[in-house]
């Protein structure tokens, strides 16, 4: 079983995803071999709504854990799963040498009817955490939202639910992406005051194209500070200038977080090797 992540320093980690196109799948291993040279503390691997890429996630996470000797965290969602499905998936993970998961409710699959969605066996990530804690020996991480989950009425309600999730067995948290560190510091202060003591990794997404920002905000609900909006307005039409400006913004954001002694930086890499290496070189 993998050991809990140690935090005597600000850790560095990456999120990757299985490529959707089969012909691109082999490329992910070259990406991983190169990012391993950056010595991340762990690498998390996503999969699609309803577990559409679950098999690929297991294969990639196993490679990270067994071949690269880096702690692999496999994303696992419950929105489209029965208990039987989950147990099969957990067994497959452990047989592949992966013992650490990021427990998420997950996005509703596009082909899921309202009836299926409302009759699902696990309504929230906390339900999934309790099930995993009872039926497996997996180490469990969870997600959190510095600007609150978009379905929560307010940050206080969201934090109370987060405390329930941590109390159910989560050993570390990774935040949704954010672009204004002030939100993260306020969130962290409130979380600690509520008794949430597990390590909290700050999720950072480098915005390197104007289109990416629109897509990211619509999916995450993260607010956009004026400085970032101004960067898009100034450089958005120039591909290379926008990429450089986005990297610079992410680097400055990360440096500020490190100066504040955060537990960890979790870089949403988007499988972009050049961008990931440039950011790491500067931080």
C-alpha atoms as a PDB file:
ATOM      1  CA  UNK A   1       0.000   0.000   0.000  1.00  0.00           C
ATOM      2  CA  UNK A   2       1.332   3.459  -0.888  1.00  0.00           C
ATOM      3  CA  UNK A   3       2.311   5.715   1.971  1.00  0.00           C
ATOM      4  CA  UNK A   4       0.527   8.991   2.759  1.00  0.00           C
ATOM      5  CA  UNK A   5       2.173  11.923   1.001  1.00  0.00           C
ATOM      6  CA  UNK A   6       4.670  13.730   3.235  1.00  0.00           C
ATOM      7  CA  UNK A   7       4.541  17.491   3.460  1.00  0.00           C
ATOM      8  CA  UNK A   8       7.673  18.902   5.068  1.00  0.00           C
ATOM      9  CA  UNK A   9       7.944  21.020   1.897  1.00  0.00           C
ATOM     10  CA  UNK A  10       5.644  22.294  -0.812  1.00  0.00           C
ATOM     11  CA  UNK A  11       5.098  19.205  -2.927  1.00  0.00           C
ATOM     12  CA  UNK A  12       4.774  19.213  -6.718  1.00  0.00           C
ATOM     13  CA  UNK A  13       2.363  17.005  -8.613  1.00  0.00           C
ATOM     14  CA  UNK A  14       0.721  16.751 -12.020  1.00  0.00           C
ATOM     15  CA  UNK A  15      -2.655  15.756 -13.396  1.00  0.00           C
ATOM     16  CA  UNK A  16      -2.749  13.929 -16.739  1.00  0.00           C
ATOM     17  CA  UNK A  17      -5.520  12.313 -18.756  1.00  0.00           C
ATOM     18  CA  UNK A  18      -5.752   9.295 -21.082  1.00  0.00           C
ATOM     19  CA  UNK A  19      -5.831  10.561 -24.690  1.00  0.00           C
ATOM     20  CA  UNK A  20      -9.219  10.074 -26.326  1.00  0.00           C
ATOM     21  CA  UNK A  21      -7.765   8.893 -29.638  1.00  0.00           C
ATOM     22  CA  UNK A  22      -6.296   5.400 -29.558  1.00  0.00           C
ATOM     23  CA  UNK A  23      -3.432   6.366 -31.893  1.00  0.00           C
ATOM     24  CA  UNK A  24      -2.328   9.027 -29.388  1.00  0.00           C
ATOM     25  CA  UNK A  25      -2.353   6.683 -26.413  1.00  0.00           C
ATOM     26  CA  UNK A  26       1.252   5.516 -26.681  1.00  0.00           C
ATOM     27  CA  UNK A  27       2.439   9.135 -26.562  1.00  0.00           C
ATOM     28  CA  UNK A  28       1.354   9.462 -22.940  1.00  0.00           C
ATOM     29  CA  UNK A  29       4.143   7.130 -21.822  1.00  0.00           C
ATOM     30  CA  UNK A  30       6.782   9.349 -23.447  1.00  0.00           C
ATOM     31  CA  UNK A  31       5.208  12.313 -21.669  1.00  0.00           C
ATOM     32  CA  UNK A  32       5.348  10.443 -18.364  1.00  0.00           C
ATOM     33  CA  UNK A  33       8.977   9.420 -18.849  1.00  0.00           C
ATOM     34  CA  UNK A  34       9.921  13.068 -19.351  1.00  0.00           C
ATOM     35  CA  UNK A  35       7.824  14.455 -16.507  1.00  0.00           C
ATOM     36  CA  UNK A  36       9.280  11.811 -14.183  1.00  0.00           C
ATOM     37  CA  UNK A  37      12.604  13.660 -14.588  1.00  0.00           C
ATOM     38  CA  UNK A  38      10.954  16.654 -12.862  1.00  0.00           C
ATOM     39  CA  UNK A  39      10.597  14.479  -9.729  1.00  0.00           C
ATOM     40  CA  UNK A  40       6.911  15.027  -8.921  1.00  0.00           C
ATOM     41  CA  UNK A  41       5.655  13.744  -5.585  1.00  0.00           C
ATOM     42  CA  UNK A  42       2.679  12.137  -7.299  1.00  0.00           C
ATOM     43  CA  UNK A  43       0.820  12.072 -10.620  1.00  0.00           C
ATOM     44  CA  UNK A  44      -2.956  11.781 -10.848  1.00  0.00           C
ATOM     45  CA  UNK A  45      -4.761  10.332 -13.846  1.00  0.00           C
ATOM     46  CA  UNK A  46      -8.326  11.202 -14.828  1.00  0.00           C
ATOM     47  CA  UNK A  47     -10.936   9.299 -16.774  1.00  0.00           C
ATOM     48  CA  UNK A  48     -14.120  10.208 -18.604  1.00  0.00           C
ATOM     49  CA  UNK A  49     -17.656  10.581 -17.346  1.00  0.00           C
ATOM     50  CA  UNK A  50     -19.079   7.277 -16.173  1.00  0.00           C
ATOM     51  CA  UNK A  51     -15.694   5.588 -16.343  1.00  0.00           C
ATOM     52  CA  UNK A  52     -15.467   5.662 -20.134  1.00  0.00           C
ATOM     53  CA  UNK A  53     -11.646   5.500 -19.975  1.00  0.00           C
ATOM     54  CA  UNK A  54     -11.349   3.500 -16.754  1.00  0.00           C
ATOM     55  CA  UNK A  55      -9.236   0.739 -18.319  1.00  0.00           C
ATOM     56  CA  UNK A  56      -6.772   3.239 -19.758  1.00  0.00           C
ATOM     57  CA  UNK A  57      -6.599   5.045 -16.415  1.00  0.00           C
ATOM     58  CA  UNK A  58      -5.616   1.814 -14.687  1.00  0.00           C
ATOM     59  CA  UNK A  59      -2.963   1.034 -17.294  1.00  0.00           C
ATOM     60  CA  UNK A  60      -1.431   4.518 -17.040  1.00  0.00           C
ATOM     61  CA  UNK A  61      -1.588   4.667 -13.246  1.00  0.00           C
ATOM     62  CA  UNK A  62       0.045   1.240 -13.029  1.00  0.00           C
ATOM     63  CA  UNK A  63       2.902   2.439 -15.260  1.00  0.00           C
ATOM     64  CA  UNK A  64       3.414   5.501 -13.063  1.00  0.00           C
ATOM     65  CA  UNK A  65       3.435   3.417  -9.892  1.00  0.00           C
ATOM     66  CA  UNK A  66       5.364   0.332 -10.978  1.00  0.00           C
ATOM     67  CA  UNK A  67       7.685   1.540 -13.739  1.00  0.00           C
ATOM     68  CA  UNK A  68       8.368   5.129 -12.712  1.00  0.00           C
ATOM     69  CA  UNK A  69       8.155   4.462  -8.951  1.00  0.00           C
ATOM     70  CA  UNK A  70       6.063   7.603  -8.458  1.00  0.00           C
ATOM     71  CA  UNK A  71       2.903   7.627  -6.350  1.00  0.00           C
ATOM     72  CA  UNK A  72      -0.021   7.267  -8.767  1.00  0.00           C
ATOM     73  CA  UNK A  73      -3.486   8.524  -7.915  1.00  0.00           C
ATOM     74  CA  UNK A  74      -6.242   7.119 -10.104  1.00  0.00           C
ATOM     75  CA  UNK A  75      -9.405   9.212 -10.364  1.00  0.00           C
ATOM     76  CA  UNK A  76     -12.529   7.249  -9.578  1.00  0.00           C
ATOM     77  CA  UNK A  77     -16.080   8.587  -9.872  1.00  0.00           C
ATOM     78  CA  UNK A  78     -19.356   7.230  -8.599  1.00  0.00           C
ATOM     79  CA  UNK A  79     -22.061   9.010 -10.614  1.00  0.00           C
ATOM     80  CA  UNK A  80     -22.408   6.225 -13.184  1.00  0.00           C
ATOM     81  CA  UNK A  81     -21.371   3.252 -11.065  1.00  0.00           C
ATOM     82  CA  UNK A  82     -23.130   0.549  -9.105  1.00  0.00           C
ATOM     83  CA  UNK A  83     -21.420  -0.857  -6.025  1.00  0.00           C
ATOM     84  CA  UNK A  84     -20.555  -3.962  -8.034  1.00  0.00           C
ATOM     85  CA  UNK A  85     -18.930  -1.857 -10.761  1.00  0.00           C
ATOM     86  CA  UNK A  86     -16.903   0.047  -8.204  1.00  0.00           C
ATOM     87  CA  UNK A  87     -15.673  -3.077  -6.490  1.00  0.00           C
ATOM     88  CA  UNK A  88     -14.548  -4.536  -9.823  1.00  0.00           C
ATOM     89  CA  UNK A  89     -12.720  -1.308 -10.646  1.00  0.00           C
ATOM     90  CA  UNK A  90     -11.039  -1.163  -7.223  1.00  0.00           C
ATOM     91  CA  UNK A  91      -9.945  -4.791  -7.518  1.00  0.00           C
ATOM     92  CA  UNK A  92      -8.474  -4.096 -10.964  1.00  0.00           C
ATOM     93  CA  UNK A  93      -6.597  -1.070  -9.592  1.00  0.00           C
ATOM     94  CA  UNK A  94      -5.079  -3.002  -6.714  1.00  0.00           C
ATOM     95  CA  UNK A  95      -4.126  -5.916  -8.953  1.00  0.00           C
ATOM     96  CA  UNK A  96      -2.318  -3.375 -11.145  1.00  0.00           C
ATOM     97  CA  UNK A  97      -0.367  -2.125  -8.115  1.00  0.00           C
ATOM     98  CA  UNK A  98      -2.327   1.115  -7.676  1.00  0.00           C
ATOM     99  CA  UNK A  99      -3.461   1.767  -4.110  1.00  0.00           C
ATOM    100  CA  UNK A 100      -4.341   5.457  -4.104  1.00  0.00           C
ATOM    101  CA  UNK A 101      -7.490   7.024  -5.591  1.00  0.00           C
ATOM    102  CA  UNK A 102      -9.052  10.459  -5.931  1.00  0.00           C
ATOM    103  CA  UNK A 103     -12.693   9.916  -4.988  1.00  0.00           C
ATOM    104  CA  UNK A 104     -15.065  12.137  -6.974  1.00  0.00           C
ATOM    105  CA  UNK A 105     -18.765  12.273  -7.663  1.00  0.00           C
ATOM    106  CA  UNK A 106     -17.913  12.935 -11.295  1.00  0.00           C
ATOM    107  CA  UNK A 107     -19.756  14.517 -14.185  1.00  0.00           C
ATOM    108  CA  UNK A 108     -23.083  13.139 -15.293  1.00  0.00           C
ATOM    109  CA  UNK A 109     -22.634  11.059 -18.468  1.00  0.00           C
ATOM    110  CA  UNK A 110     -24.347  12.669 -21.465  1.00  0.00           C
ATOM    111  CA  UNK A 111     -26.424   9.570 -22.162  1.00  0.00           C
ATOM    112  CA  UNK A 112     -27.659   9.217 -18.550  1.00  0.00           C
ATOM    113  CA  UNK A 113     -31.400   9.859 -18.176  1.00  0.00           C
ATOM    114  CA  UNK A 114     -32.885  11.913 -15.337  1.00  0.00           C
ATOM    115  CA  UNK A 115     -34.346   8.717 -13.894  1.00  0.00           C
ATOM    116  CA  UNK A 116     -30.954   6.985 -13.881  1.00  0.00           C
ATOM    117  CA  UNK A 117     -29.261  10.040 -12.406  1.00  0.00           C
ATOM    118  CA  UNK A 118     -31.801  10.348  -9.600  1.00  0.00           C
ATOM    119  CA  UNK A 119     -31.630   6.607  -8.808  1.00  0.00           C
ATOM    120  CA  UNK A 120     -27.839   6.386  -8.648  1.00  0.00           C
ATOM    121  CA  UNK A 121     -26.390   4.373  -5.767  1.00  0.00           C
ATOM    122  CA  UNK A 122     -23.876   7.028  -4.707  1.00  0.00           C
ATOM    123  CA  UNK A 123     -25.182  10.596  -4.591  1.00  0.00           C
ATOM    124  CA  UNK A 124     -22.056  12.374  -3.357  1.00  0.00           C
ATOM    125  CA  UNK A 125     -18.314  11.842  -3.188  1.00  0.00           C
ATOM    126  CA  UNK A 126     -18.637  11.398   0.581  1.00  0.00           C
ATOM    127  CA  UNK A 127     -20.834   8.334  -0.036  1.00  0.00           C
ATOM    128  CA  UNK A 128     -18.084   6.950  -2.268  1.00  0.00           C
ATOM    129  CA  UNK A 129     -15.412   7.660   0.361  1.00  0.00           C
ATOM    130  CA  UNK A 130     -17.395   5.815   3.038  1.00  0.00           C
ATOM    131  CA  UNK A 131     -17.851   2.831   0.735  1.00  0.00           C
ATOM    132  CA  UNK A 132     -14.165   2.721  -0.214  1.00  0.00           C
ATOM    133  CA  UNK A 133     -13.111   3.074   3.418  1.00  0.00           C
ATOM    134  CA  UNK A 134     -15.346   0.187   4.453  1.00  0.00           C
ATOM    135  CA  UNK A 135     -14.712  -2.195   1.568  1.00  0.00           C
ATOM    136  CA  UNK A 136     -11.130  -1.524   0.434  1.00  0.00           C
ATOM    137  CA  UNK A 137      -7.690  -0.684   1.778  1.00  0.00           C
ATOM    138  CA  UNK A 138      -7.180   2.102  -0.741  1.00  0.00           C
ATOM    139  CA  UNK A 139      -5.684   5.408   0.288  1.00  0.00           C
ATOM    140  CA  UNK A 140      -8.261   8.079  -0.547  1.00  0.00           C
ATOM    141  CA  UNK A 141      -7.779  11.687  -1.637  1.00  0.00           C
ATOM    142  CA  UNK A 142     -10.615  14.097  -2.367  1.00  0.00           C
ATOM    143  CA  UNK A 143     -11.450  17.298  -4.212  1.00  0.00           C
ATOM    144  CA  UNK A 144     -12.284  20.718  -2.797  1.00  0.00           C
ATOM    145  CA  UNK A 145     -13.353  24.090  -4.165  1.00  0.00           C
ATOM    146  CA  UNK A 146     -11.733  27.369  -3.041  1.00  0.00           C
ATOM    147  CA  UNK A 147     -14.661  29.302  -4.526  1.00  0.00           C
ATOM    148  CA  UNK A 148     -17.198  26.628  -3.401  1.00  0.00           C
ATOM    149  CA  UNK A 149     -18.780  23.904  -5.481  1.00  0.00           C
ATOM    150  CA  UNK A 150     -21.136  25.457  -8.029  1.00  0.00           C
ATOM    151  CA  UNK A 151     -24.089  23.522  -6.541  1.00  0.00           C
ATOM    152  CA  UNK A 152     -23.434  24.678  -2.958  1.00  0.00           C
ATOM    153  CA  UNK A 153     -25.507  27.633  -1.687  1.00  0.00           C
ATOM    154  CA  UNK A 154     -22.501  29.191   0.082  1.00  0.00           C
ATOM    155  CA  UNK A 155     -18.903  28.492   1.089  1.00  0.00           C
ATOM    156  CA  UNK A 156     -19.849  27.611   4.690  1.00  0.00           C
ATOM    157  CA  UNK A 157     -22.217  24.847   3.553  1.00  0.00           C
ATOM    158  CA  UNK A 158     -19.619  23.550   1.133  1.00  0.00           C
ATOM    159  CA  UNK A 159     -16.979  23.455   3.871  1.00  0.00           C
ATOM    160  CA  UNK A 160     -19.262  21.522   6.222  1.00  0.00           C
ATOM    161  CA  UNK A 161     -19.739  18.882   3.531  1.00  0.00           C
ATOM    162  CA  UNK A 162     -15.968  18.872   2.957  1.00  0.00           C
ATOM    163  CA  UNK A 163     -15.410  18.228   6.665  1.00  0.00           C
ATOM    164  CA  UNK A 164     -17.791  15.248   6.432  1.00  0.00           C
ATOM    165  CA  UNK A 165     -15.785  13.899   3.501  1.00  0.00           C
ATOM    166  CA  UNK A 166     -12.481  14.256   5.358  1.00  0.00           C
ATOM    167  CA  UNK A 167     -13.941  12.661   8.489  1.00  0.00           C
ATOM    168  CA  UNK A 168     -15.125   9.750   6.319  1.00  0.00           C
ATOM    169  CA  UNK A 169     -11.524   8.882   5.426  1.00  0.00           C
ATOM    170  CA  UNK A 170      -9.917  11.333   3.001  1.00  0.00           C
ATOM    171  CA  UNK A 171      -6.186  11.787   3.719  1.00  0.00           C
ATOM    172  CA  UNK A 172      -5.430  14.716   1.372  1.00  0.00           C
ATOM    173  CA  UNK A 173      -7.291  17.208  -0.814  1.00  0.00           C
ATOM    174  CA  UNK A 174      -6.687  18.666  -4.281  1.00  0.00           C
ATOM    175  CA  UNK A 175      -8.426  21.905  -5.183  1.00  0.00           C
ATOM    176  CA  UNK A 176     -10.344  22.796  -8.278  1.00  0.00           C
ATOM    177  CA  UNK A 177      -8.308  25.210 -10.402  1.00  0.00           C
ATOM    178  CA  UNK A 178      -8.363  28.850  -9.368  1.00  0.00           C
ATOM    179  CA  UNK A 179      -6.718  31.984 -10.724  1.00  0.00           C
ATOM    180  CA  UNK A 180      -6.853  34.329  -7.749  1.00  0.00           C
ATOM    181  CA  UNK A 181      -4.792  33.170  -4.767  1.00  0.00           C
ATOM    182  CA  UNK A 182      -6.835  35.333  -2.400  1.00  0.00           C
ATOM    183  CA  UNK A 183      -9.738  32.886  -2.749  1.00  0.00           C
ATOM    184  CA  UNK A 184      -7.452  30.001  -1.846  1.00  0.00           C
ATOM    185  CA  UNK A 185      -6.035  31.721   1.257  1.00  0.00           C
ATOM    186  CA  UNK A 186      -9.530  32.586   2.533  1.00  0.00           C
ATOM    187  CA  UNK A 187     -10.685  29.025   1.855  1.00  0.00           C
ATOM    188  CA  UNK A 188      -7.649  27.559   3.620  1.00  0.00           C
ATOM    189  CA  UNK A 189      -8.178  29.734   6.678  1.00  0.00           C
ATOM    190  CA  UNK A 190     -11.818  28.697   6.967  1.00  0.00           C
ATOM    191  CA  UNK A 191     -11.029  25.024   6.360  1.00  0.00           C
ATOM    192  CA  UNK A 192      -8.388  24.937   9.082  1.00  0.00           C
ATOM    193  CA  UNK A 193     -10.694  26.776  11.484  1.00  0.00           C
ATOM    194  CA  UNK A 194     -13.301  24.071  10.886  1.00  0.00           C
ATOM    195  CA  UNK A 195     -10.801  21.365  11.816  1.00  0.00           C
ATOM    196  CA  UNK A 196      -9.834  20.189   8.329  1.00  0.00           C
ATOM    197  CA  UNK A 197      -6.165  19.367   8.908  1.00  0.00           C
ATOM    198  CA  UNK A 198      -5.262  17.138   5.948  1.00  0.00           C
ATOM    199  CA  UNK A 199      -2.799  18.460   3.327  1.00  0.00           C
ATOM    200  CA  UNK A 200      -4.465  20.674   0.706  1.00  0.00           C
ATOM    201  CA  UNK A 201      -2.837  20.850  -2.739  1.00  0.00           C
ATOM    202  CA  UNK A 202      -3.465  23.998  -4.775  1.00  0.00           C
ATOM    203  CA  UNK A 203      -4.681  23.157  -8.292  1.00  0.00           C
ATOM    204  CA  UNK A 204      -3.106  25.390 -10.945  1.00  0.00           C
ATOM    205  CA  UNK A 205      -4.138  25.461 -14.599  1.00  0.00           C
ATOM    206  CA  UNK A 206      -1.833  27.363 -17.009  1.00  0.00           C
ATOM    207  CA  UNK A 207      -4.021  29.295 -19.456  1.00  0.00           C
ATOM    208  CA  UNK A 208      -2.093  29.346 -22.718  1.00  0.00           C
ATOM    209  CA  UNK A 209      -4.886  30.094 -25.223  1.00  0.00           C
ATOM    210  CA  UNK A 210      -7.887  32.429 -25.132  1.00  0.00           C
ATOM    211  CA  UNK A 211     -10.232  29.549 -26.019  1.00  0.00           C
ATOM    212  CA  UNK A 212      -8.926  27.474 -23.133  1.00  0.00           C
ATOM    213  CA  UNK A 213      -9.977  30.101 -20.594  1.00  0.00           C
ATOM    214  CA  UNK A 214     -13.587  30.109 -21.795  1.00  0.00           C
ATOM    215  CA  UNK A 215     -13.802  26.329 -21.690  1.00  0.00           C
ATOM    216  CA  UNK A 216     -12.082  26.109 -18.308  1.00  0.00           C
ATOM    217  CA  UNK A 217     -14.276  28.689 -16.616  1.00  0.00           C
ATOM    218  CA  UNK A 218     -17.479  27.140 -17.952  1.00  0.00           C
ATOM    219  CA  UNK A 219     -16.467  23.736 -16.576  1.00  0.00           C
ATOM    220  CA  UNK A 220     -14.916  24.801 -13.264  1.00  0.00           C
ATOM    221  CA  UNK A 221     -16.889  27.894 -12.291  1.00  0.00           C
ATOM    222  CA  UNK A 222     -13.623  29.615 -11.337  1.00  0.00           C
ATOM    223  CA  UNK A 223     -13.644  33.410 -11.412  1.00  0.00           C
ATOM    224  CA  UNK A 224     -11.244  35.293 -13.679  1.00  0.00           C
ATOM    225  CA  UNK A 225      -9.225  38.144 -12.120  1.00  0.00           C
ATOM    226  CA  UNK A 226      -8.823  41.343 -14.116  1.00  0.00           C
ATOM    227  CA  UNK A 227      -5.106  40.703 -14.629  1.00  0.00           C
ATOM    228  CA  UNK A 228      -5.776  37.419 -16.423  1.00  0.00           C
ATOM    229  CA  UNK A 229      -8.635  38.890 -18.430  1.00  0.00           C
ATOM    230  CA  UNK A 230      -6.314  41.722 -19.513  1.00  0.00           C
ATOM    231  CA  UNK A 231      -3.696  39.189 -20.626  1.00  0.00           C
ATOM    232  CA  UNK A 232      -6.263  37.501 -22.843  1.00  0.00           C
ATOM    233  CA  UNK A 233      -7.334  40.851 -24.293  1.00  0.00           C
ATOM    234  CA  UNK A 234      -3.718  41.843 -24.993  1.00  0.00           C
ATOM    235  CA  UNK A 235      -2.191  38.582 -26.229  1.00  0.00           C
ATOM    236  CA  UNK A 236      -5.158  36.368 -27.138  1.00  0.00           C
ATOM    237  CA  UNK A 237      -4.749  36.836 -30.879  1.00  0.00           C
ATOM    238  CA  UNK A 238      -1.039  35.913 -30.860  1.00  0.00           C
ATOM    239  CA  UNK A 239      -0.580  32.210 -30.156  1.00  0.00           C
ATOM    240  CA  UNK A 240       3.033  32.268 -28.911  1.00  0.00           C
ATOM    241  CA  UNK A 241       2.719  35.517 -26.951  1.00  0.00           C
ATOM    242  CA  UNK A 242      -0.418  34.185 -25.255  1.00  0.00           C
ATOM    243  CA  UNK A 243       1.353  30.961 -24.331  1.00  0.00           C
ATOM    244  CA  UNK A 244       4.265  32.868 -22.781  1.00  0.00           C
ATOM    245  CA  UNK A 245       1.940  35.236 -20.916  1.00  0.00           C
ATOM    246  CA  UNK A 246      -0.121  32.338 -19.578  1.00  0.00           C
ATOM    247  CA  UNK A 247       2.967  30.526 -18.358  1.00  0.00           C
ATOM    248  CA  UNK A 248       4.231  33.691 -16.686  1.00  0.00           C
ATOM    249  CA  UNK A 249       0.891  34.173 -14.914  1.00  0.00           C
ATOM    250  CA  UNK A 250       0.905  30.574 -13.641  1.00  0.00           C
ATOM    251  CA  UNK A 251       4.537  30.855 -12.486  1.00  0.00           C
ATOM    252  CA  UNK A 252       3.824  34.035 -10.509  1.00  0.00           C
ATOM    253  CA  UNK A 253       0.751  32.427  -8.989  1.00  0.00           C
ATOM    254  CA  UNK A 254       2.755  29.356  -7.942  1.00  0.00           C
ATOM    255  CA  UNK A 255       5.634  31.385  -6.530  1.00  0.00           C
ATOM    256  CA  UNK A 256       3.216  33.326  -4.347  1.00  0.00           C
ATOM    257  CA  UNK A 257       1.628  30.111  -3.106  1.00  0.00           C
ATOM    258  CA  UNK A 258       5.032  28.632  -2.284  1.00  0.00           C
ATOM    259  CA  UNK A 259       6.008  31.774  -0.380  1.00  0.00           C
ATOM    260  CA  UNK A 260       2.876  31.267   1.702  1.00  0.00           C
ATOM    261  CA  UNK A 261       3.992  27.711   2.512  1.00  0.00           C
ATOM    262  CA  UNK A 262       1.145  25.802   0.877  1.00  0.00           C
ATOM    263  CA  UNK A 263       1.145  22.025   1.205  1.00  0.00           C
ATOM    264  CA  UNK A 264       1.431  21.356  -2.493  1.00  0.00           C
ATOM    265  CA  UNK A 265       1.137  22.586  -6.062  1.00  0.00           C
ATOM    266  CA  UNK A 266      -0.942  20.334  -8.332  1.00  0.00           C
ATOM    267  CA  UNK A 267      -0.365  21.334 -11.944  1.00  0.00           C
ATOM    268  CA  UNK A 268      -3.150  20.562 -14.405  1.00  0.00           C
ATOM    269  CA  UNK A 269      -0.684  19.674 -17.151  1.00  0.00           C
ATOM    270  CA  UNK A 270      -3.199  18.998 -19.973  1.00  0.00           C
ATOM    271  CA  UNK A 271      -0.532  16.523 -21.202  1.00  0.00           C
ATOM    272  CA  UNK A 272       1.539  19.463 -22.517  1.00  0.00           C
ATOM    273  CA  UNK A 273       5.189  18.571 -21.978  1.00  0.00           C
ATOM    274  CA  UNK A 274       6.798  21.823 -23.114  1.00  0.00           C
ATOM    275  CA  UNK A 275       4.542  23.999 -20.949  1.00  0.00           C
ATOM    276  CA  UNK A 276       4.937  21.713 -17.931  1.00  0.00           C
ATOM    277  CA  UNK A 277       8.745  21.718 -18.194  1.00  0.00           C
ATOM    278  CA  UNK A 278       8.930  25.495 -18.649  1.00  0.00           C
ATOM    279  CA  UNK A 279       6.810  26.137 -15.573  1.00  0.00           C
ATOM    280  CA  UNK A 280       8.812  23.699 -13.445  1.00  0.00           C
ATOM    281  CA  UNK A 281      12.088  25.272 -14.585  1.00  0.00           C
ATOM    282  CA  UNK A 282      10.905  28.625 -13.259  1.00  0.00           C
ATOM    283  CA  UNK A 283       9.492  27.528  -9.928  1.00  0.00           C
END
